[in-house]
Amino acid sequence: MFTRRRRSTPPRAVSPWPFVGMGLMAASFFLYAASGMLAPPWGVAVLLLVWLVLLLVCCAWWTPHPQRLPWVGLLSVVLWFAALNAGGALLGWSG
């Protein structure tokens, strides 16, 4: 007589952008970790701390702002490049 029916909602489309951003963050981690060839240990520690902050930003923005994650991943690569070039030019990092 009376039957309960659940309302089904269509599944939301999954955005690929957070996965792209985290892939860029994973790729940039290897750049930051291999910086010991050019930078002193304290410089590598600072670089890895910067990378960790960017990773936390990506984790915080996963659901609310998924389109921003690839930009954060690209920013991490640009920051790494700029930091090593600035360290080489201004601080004499040569490896």
Protein backbone atom coordinates (compact mmCIF):
# COMPACT_ATOMS: atom_id res chain seq x y z
CA MET A 1 0.00 0.00 0.00
CA PHE A 2 2.47 2.60 1.12
CA THR A 3 5.95 2.26 -0.22
CA ARG A 4 8.86 4.45 0.46
CA ARG A 5 10.79 5.62 -2.48
CA ARG A 6 14.02 7.42 -2.30
CA ARG A 7 14.56 10.33 -4.54
CA SER A 8 17.58 9.72 -6.62
CA THR A 9 19.70 12.58 -7.72
CA PRO A 10 21.84 12.30 -10.80
CA PRO A 11 25.54 11.98 -10.03
CA ARG A 12 27.59 15.10 -10.42
CA ALA A 13 30.30 15.13 -13.02
CA VAL A 14 33.77 14.75 -11.57
CA SER A 15 36.13 17.52 -12.54
CA PRO A 16 39.55 16.36 -13.78
CA TRP A 17 41.29 19.60 -12.75
CA PRO A 18 42.09 18.67 -9.14
CA PHE A 19 43.79 15.51 -10.37
CA VAL A 20 45.80 17.49 -12.92
CA GLY A 21 46.87 19.92 -10.20
CA MET A 22 47.92 17.16 -7.81
CA GLY A 23 49.82 15.47 -10.64
CA LEU A 24 51.73 18.71 -11.18
CA MET A 25 52.39 18.95 -7.45
CA ALA A 26 53.74 15.39 -7.44
CA ALA A 27 55.99 16.17 -10.40
CA SER A 28 57.23 19.37 -8.79
CA PHE A 29 58.05 17.49 -5.58
CA PHE A 30 60.84 15.68 -7.40
CA LEU A 31 62.24 19.03 -8.54
CA TYR A 32 62.18 20.38 -4.99
CA ALA A 33 63.66 17.19 -3.51
CA ALA A 34 66.49 17.09 -6.06
CA SER A 35 67.44 20.71 -5.37
CA GLY A 36 70.19 19.48 -3.07
CA MET A 37 72.42 19.22 -6.12
CA LEU A 38 72.45 23.02 -6.41
CA ALA A 39 71.20 24.44 -3.14
CA PRO A 40 72.60 24.11 0.38
CA PRO A 41 70.66 22.01 2.91
CA TRP A 42 68.98 25.02 4.48
CA GLY A 43 67.84 26.15 1.02
CA VAL A 44 66.36 22.72 0.29
CA ALA A 45 64.57 22.80 3.64
CA VAL A 46 63.03 26.18 2.83
CA LEU A 47 62.04 25.00 -0.65
CA LEU A 48 60.40 21.86 0.73
CA LEU A 49 58.54 23.96 3.29
CA VAL A 50 57.22 26.16 0.47
CA TRP A 51 56.18 23.04 -1.44
CA LEU A 52 54.39 21.70 1.64
CA VAL A 53 52.44 24.95 2.03
CA LEU A 54 51.40 24.77 -1.63
CA LEU A 55 50.32 21.14 -1.14
CA LEU A 56 48.18 22.16 1.83
CA VAL A 57 46.60 24.88 -0.30
CA CYS A 58 45.79 22.25 -2.93
CA CYS A 59 44.22 19.99 -0.33
CA ALA A 60 42.13 22.86 1.03
CA TRP A 61 40.96 23.92 -2.44
CA TRP A 62 40.20 20.39 -3.75
CA THR A 63 36.42 20.69 -3.47
CA PRO A 64 35.68 24.44 -3.27
CA HIS A 65 37.99 25.57 -6.09
CA PRO A 66 39.01 22.61 -8.28
CA GLN A 67 39.92 24.80 -11.28
CA ARG A 68 42.65 26.56 -9.29
CA LEU A 69 44.72 23.46 -8.54
CA PRO A 70 46.54 23.27 -11.90
CA TRP A 71 47.55 26.90 -11.44
CA VAL A 72 48.97 26.11 -8.01
CA GLY A 73 50.89 23.20 -9.55
CA LEU A 74 52.30 25.46 -12.24
CA LEU A 75 53.11 28.09 -9.64
CA SER A 76 55.13 25.52 -7.69
CA VAL A 77 57.29 24.78 -10.76
CA VAL A 78 57.76 28.49 -11.50
CA LEU A 79 58.66 29.23 -7.87
CA TRP A 80 61.21 26.41 -7.86
CA PHE A 81 62.81 27.71 -11.06
CA ALA A 82 62.86 31.29 -9.78
CA ALA A 83 64.22 30.31 -6.36
CA LEU A 84 67.10 28.28 -7.79
CA ASN A 85 67.99 30.99 -10.29
CA ALA A 86 67.82 33.69 -7.61
CA GLY A 87 69.85 31.55 -5.24
CA GLY A 88 72.48 30.98 -7.91
CA ALA A 89 72.66 34.65 -8.88
CA LEU A 90 72.39 36.29 -5.47
CA LEU A 91 73.68 33.69 -3.01
CA GLY A 92 76.20 31.85 -5.13
CA TRP A 93 74.54 28.43 -5.12
CA SER A 94 76.49 26.40 -7.62
CA GLY A 95 76.35 22.82 -6.41
